[in-house]
Amino acid sequence: MSDPDPRLLELLVCPNCHGEVAYVPEESVIECRGECGYRYPVRDGLPVMLIDEADKP
């Protein structure tokens, strides 16, 4: 698996609450640091920023 491009990560926000996100490389997920805390999968180096694909707390 490859990591997402760091330049792309700077542009991303959570599609659910519009909060900041952070990449968690150990789990290969993009984690919302805002209100909702949703976790979005990263597949083949591409973040899948779809609410329906997110793990919800």
C-alpha atoms as a PDB file:
ATOM      1  CA  MET A   1       0.000   0.000   0.000  1.00  0.00           C
ATOM      2  CA  SER A   2       1.162   3.491  -0.684  1.00  0.00           C
ATOM      3  CA  ASP A   3       0.586   6.646   1.321  1.00  0.00           C
ATOM      4  CA  PRO A   4      -1.435   9.556  -0.071  1.00  0.00           C
ATOM      5  CA  ASP A   5       0.433  12.532  -1.488  1.00  0.00           C
ATOM      6  CA  PRO A   6       1.147  15.006   1.355  1.00  0.00           C
ATOM      7  CA  ARG A   7       0.078  17.917  -0.885  1.00  0.00           C
ATOM      8  CA  LEU A   8      -3.330  16.273  -1.288  1.00  0.00           C
ATOM      9  CA  LEU A   9      -3.694  15.813   2.465  1.00  0.00           C
ATOM     10  CA  GLU A  10      -3.244  19.569   2.972  1.00  0.00           C
ATOM     11  CA  LEU A  11      -6.355  20.202   0.854  1.00  0.00           C
ATOM     12  CA  LEU A  12      -8.689  17.633   2.385  1.00  0.00           C
ATOM     13  CA  VAL A  13     -11.439  18.338   4.900  1.00  0.00           C
ATOM     14  CA  CYS A  14     -14.062  16.008   6.293  1.00  0.00           C
ATOM     15  CA  PRO A  15     -17.023  15.869   3.894  1.00  0.00           C
ATOM     16  CA  ASN A  16     -19.381  15.346   6.831  1.00  0.00           C
ATOM     17  CA  CYS A  17     -18.512  18.147   9.289  1.00  0.00           C
ATOM     18  CA  HIS A  18     -15.894  20.068   7.252  1.00  0.00           C
ATOM     19  CA  GLY A  19     -13.364  19.613  10.062  1.00  0.00           C
ATOM     20  CA  GLU A  20      -9.622  19.122   9.700  1.00  0.00           C
ATOM     21  CA  VAL A  21      -8.363  15.644   8.899  1.00  0.00           C
ATOM     22  CA  ALA A  22      -5.135  13.764   9.574  1.00  0.00           C
ATOM     23  CA  TYR A  23      -3.602  10.696   7.967  1.00  0.00           C
ATOM     24  CA  VAL A  24      -3.008   7.709  10.275  1.00  0.00           C
ATOM     25  CA  PRO A  25      -0.424   5.625   8.375  1.00  0.00           C
ATOM     26  CA  GLU A  26      -0.492   2.651  10.769  1.00  0.00           C
ATOM     27  CA  GLU A  27      -4.167   2.090   9.953  1.00  0.00           C
ATOM     28  CA  SER A  28      -4.192   3.568   6.441  1.00  0.00           C
ATOM     29  CA  VAL A  29      -7.100   5.896   7.229  1.00  0.00           C
ATOM     30  CA  ILE A  30      -7.863   9.602   7.098  1.00  0.00           C
ATOM     31  CA  GLU A  31      -9.285  10.593  10.476  1.00  0.00           C
ATOM     32  CA  CYS A  32     -11.515  13.606  11.078  1.00  0.00           C
ATOM     33  CA  ARG A  33     -10.237  15.763  13.926  1.00  0.00           C
ATOM     34  CA  GLY A  34     -13.447  17.787  13.909  1.00  0.00           C
ATOM     35  CA  GLU A  35     -16.855  17.148  15.451  1.00  0.00           C
ATOM     36  CA  CYS A  36     -17.769  13.818  13.869  1.00  0.00           C
ATOM     37  CA  GLY A  37     -14.552  11.789  14.166  1.00  0.00           C
ATOM     38  CA  TYR A  38     -15.300   9.790  11.003  1.00  0.00           C
ATOM     39  CA  ARG A  39     -12.477   7.657   9.606  1.00  0.00           C
ATOM     40  CA  TYR A  40     -12.108   7.339   5.840  1.00  0.00           C
ATOM     41  CA  PRO A  41     -10.178   4.487   4.194  1.00  0.00           C
ATOM     42  CA  VAL A  42      -7.134   4.987   1.996  1.00  0.00           C
ATOM     43  CA  ARG A  43      -7.017   2.508  -0.884  1.00  0.00           C
ATOM     44  CA  ASP A  44      -4.000   2.274  -3.192  1.00  0.00           C
ATOM     45  CA  GLY A  45      -2.777   5.653  -1.938  1.00  0.00           C
ATOM     46  CA  LEU A  46      -6.104   7.388  -2.631  1.00  0.00           C
ATOM     47  CA  PRO A  47      -8.320   8.668   0.195  1.00  0.00           C
ATOM     48  CA  VAL A  48     -11.920   7.495  -0.187  1.00  0.00           C
ATOM     49  CA  MET A  49     -13.657  10.556   1.235  1.00  0.00           C
ATOM     50  CA  LEU A  50     -17.227   9.262   0.949  1.00  0.00           C
ATOM     51  CA  ILE A  51     -19.485   9.465   3.984  1.00  0.00           C
ATOM     52  CA  ASP A  52     -21.010   6.079   3.134  1.00  0.00           C
ATOM     53  CA  GLU A  53     -17.516   4.489   3.209  1.00  0.00           C
ATOM     54  CA  ALA A  54     -16.494   6.044   6.554  1.00  0.00           C
ATOM     55  CA  ASP A  55     -16.196   4.232   9.851  1.00  0.00           C
ATOM     56  CA  LYS A  56     -18.423   6.139  12.211  1.00  0.00           C
ATOM     57  CA  PRO A  57     -17.693   6.377  15.959  1.00  0.00           C
END
